[in-house]
C-alpha atoms as a PDB file:
ATOM      1  CA  MET A   1      46.169 114.720   2.446  1.00  0.00           C
ATOM      2  CA  VAL A   2      45.321 117.612   0.195  1.00  0.00           C
ATOM      3  CA  LYS A   3      41.615 118.256  -0.362  1.00  0.00           C
ATOM      4  CA  GLY A   4      40.336 115.751  -2.897  1.00  0.00           C
ATOM      5  CA  ASP A   5      43.059 113.116  -2.510  1.00  0.00           C
ATOM      6  CA  ILE A   6      41.919 109.548  -3.271  1.00  0.00           C
ATOM      7  CA  ASP A   7      41.930 106.755  -0.692  1.00  0.00           C
ATOM      8  CA  THR A   8      41.807 103.122  -1.924  1.00  0.00           C
ATOM      9  CA  TYR A   9      40.858 100.726   0.876  1.00  0.00           C
ATOM     10  CA  HIS A  10      39.196  97.374   1.688  1.00  0.00           C
ATOM     11  CA  GLN A  11      35.867  97.275   3.497  1.00  0.00           C
ATOM     12  CA  ASP A  12      33.031  94.758   3.737  1.00  0.00           C
ATOM     13  CA  GLY A  13      34.684  92.350   1.295  1.00  0.00           C
ATOM     14  CA  GLN A  14      35.163  94.943  -1.441  1.00  0.00           C
ATOM     15  CA  TRP A  15      37.869  97.347  -2.555  1.00  0.00           C
ATOM     16  CA  LYS A  16      36.713 100.959  -2.619  1.00  0.00           C
ATOM     17  CA  ASN A  17      37.850 104.423  -3.700  1.00  0.00           C
ATOM     18  CA  ARG A  18      36.831 107.497  -1.756  1.00  0.00           C
ATOM     19  CA  PRO A  19      37.875 111.094  -2.377  1.00  0.00           C
ATOM     20  CA  GLU A  20      38.881 112.918   0.789  1.00  0.00           C
ATOM     21  CA  GLY A  21      35.898 114.700   2.303  1.00  0.00           C
ATOM     22  CA  ASN A  22      33.323 112.219   0.992  1.00  0.00           C
ATOM     23  CA  GLU A  23      31.510 110.003   3.467  1.00  0.00           C
ATOM     24  CA  ARG A  24      30.812 107.263   0.937  1.00  0.00           C
ATOM     25  CA  ALA A  25      32.954 105.492  -1.623  1.00  0.00           C
ATOM     26  CA  SER A  26      32.791 106.759  -5.201  1.00  0.00           C
ATOM     27  CA  SER A  27      33.503 103.317  -6.646  1.00  0.00           C
ATOM     28  CA  THR A  28      33.587  99.686  -5.504  1.00  0.00           C
ATOM     29  CA  HIS A  29      35.547  96.804  -7.022  1.00  0.00           C
ATOM     30  CA  ASP A  30      35.985  93.068  -6.579  1.00  0.00           C
ATOM     31  CA  THR A  31      39.784  93.171  -6.748  1.00  0.00           C
ATOM     32  CA  LYS A  32      42.484  95.452  -5.415  1.00  0.00           C
ATOM     33  CA  ALA A  33      43.979  95.815  -8.906  1.00  0.00           C
ATOM     34  CA  GLU A  34      40.686  97.133 -10.312  1.00  0.00           C
ATOM     35  CA  ALA A  35      40.328  99.589  -7.428  1.00  0.00           C
ATOM     36  CA  GLU A  36      43.942 100.784  -7.787  1.00  0.00           C
ATOM     37  CA  SER A  37      43.450 101.418 -11.496  1.00  0.00           C
ATOM     38  CA  ALA A  38      40.232 103.380 -10.962  1.00  0.00           C
ATOM     39  CA  GLY A  39      41.755 105.286  -8.027  1.00  0.00           C
ATOM     40  CA  ARG A  40      44.839 106.177 -10.068  1.00  0.00           C
ATOM     41  CA  GLU A  41      42.656 107.654 -12.812  1.00  0.00           C
ATOM     42  CA  MET A  42      40.629 109.623 -10.254  1.00  0.00           C
ATOM     43  CA  ALA A  43      43.839 111.002  -8.708  1.00  0.00           C
ATOM     44  CA  ARG A  44      45.254 111.949 -12.130  1.00  0.00           C
ATOM     45  CA  ASP A  45      42.039 113.748 -13.052  1.00  0.00           C
ATOM     46  CA  ARG A  46      42.169 115.726  -9.787  1.00  0.00           C
ATOM     47  CA  ASP A  47      45.953 116.322  -9.670  1.00  0.00           C
ATOM     48  CA  ALA A  48      45.867 114.658  -6.275  1.00  0.00           C
ATOM     49  CA  GLU A  49      47.604 112.062  -4.149  1.00  0.00           C
ATOM     50  CA  HIS A  50      46.509 108.414  -4.348  1.00  0.00           C
ATOM     51  CA  VAL A  51      46.819 106.530  -1.055  1.00  0.00           C
ATOM     52  CA  ILE A  52      46.541 102.745  -1.439  1.00  0.00           C
ATOM     53  CA  LYS A  53      45.934 100.807   1.761  1.00  0.00           C
ATOM     54  CA  ASN A  54      46.507  97.112   2.386  1.00  0.00           C
ATOM     55  CA  GLU A  55      43.650  94.873   3.444  1.00  0.00           C
ATOM     56  CA  ASP A  56      44.625  95.462   7.097  1.00  0.00           C
ATOM     57  CA  GLY A  57      44.166  99.235   6.652  1.00  0.00           C
ATOM     58  CA  ARG A  58      47.830 100.228   6.746  1.00  0.00           C
ATOM     59  CA  ILE A  59      49.193 102.432   3.973  1.00  0.00           C
ATOM     60  CA  GLY A  60      50.969 100.283   1.415  1.00  0.00           C
ATOM     61  CA  GLU A  61      51.672 102.837  -1.286  1.00  0.00           C
ATOM     62  CA  ARG A  62      51.367 106.564  -2.027  1.00  0.00           C
ATOM     63  CA  ASN A  63      51.523 108.223  -5.419  1.00  0.00           C
ATOM     64  CA  THR A  64      51.316 111.922  -6.254  1.00  0.00           C
ATOM     65  CA  TYR A  65      49.883 113.178  -9.547  1.00  0.00           C
ATOM     66  CA  PRO A  66      51.318 114.966 -11.371  1.00  0.00           C
ATOM     67  CA  ARG A  67      54.746 113.768 -10.323  1.00  0.00           C
ATOM     68  CA  SER A  68      56.026 117.359 -10.220  1.00  0.00           C
ATOM     69  CA  ARG A  69      53.817 117.966  -7.139  1.00  0.00           C
ATOM     70  CA  ASP A  70      55.634 115.288  -5.132  1.00  0.00           C
ATOM     71  CA  PRO A  71      57.486 116.973  -2.250  1.00  0.00           C
ATOM     72  CA  ARG A  72      60.125 114.240  -2.175  1.00  0.00           C
ATOM     73  CA  GLU A  73      63.199 114.589  -4.369  1.00  0.00           C
ATOM     74  CA  ILE A  74      63.832 110.851  -4.889  1.00  0.00           C
ATOM     75  CA  LYS A  75      62.805 108.758  -7.875  1.00  0.00           C
ATOM     76  CA  GLY A  76      60.307 105.963  -7.461  1.00  0.00           C
END
């Protein structure tokens, strides 16, 4: 991850967002959808990557903001 990328993950019964390099979460949410939305906005504000993990901790989705920074040449 690039410095400042956002990690959305599940811990202690809550969904959390943490920028890379921080020890603690910047935001906590009751649902994954709320955490994803907040994490997406954080990533857009930072021009960073948003890594969304499943409840089991495995990466479920990755999004790069702005899209032009994405190293992959495929749509989606």
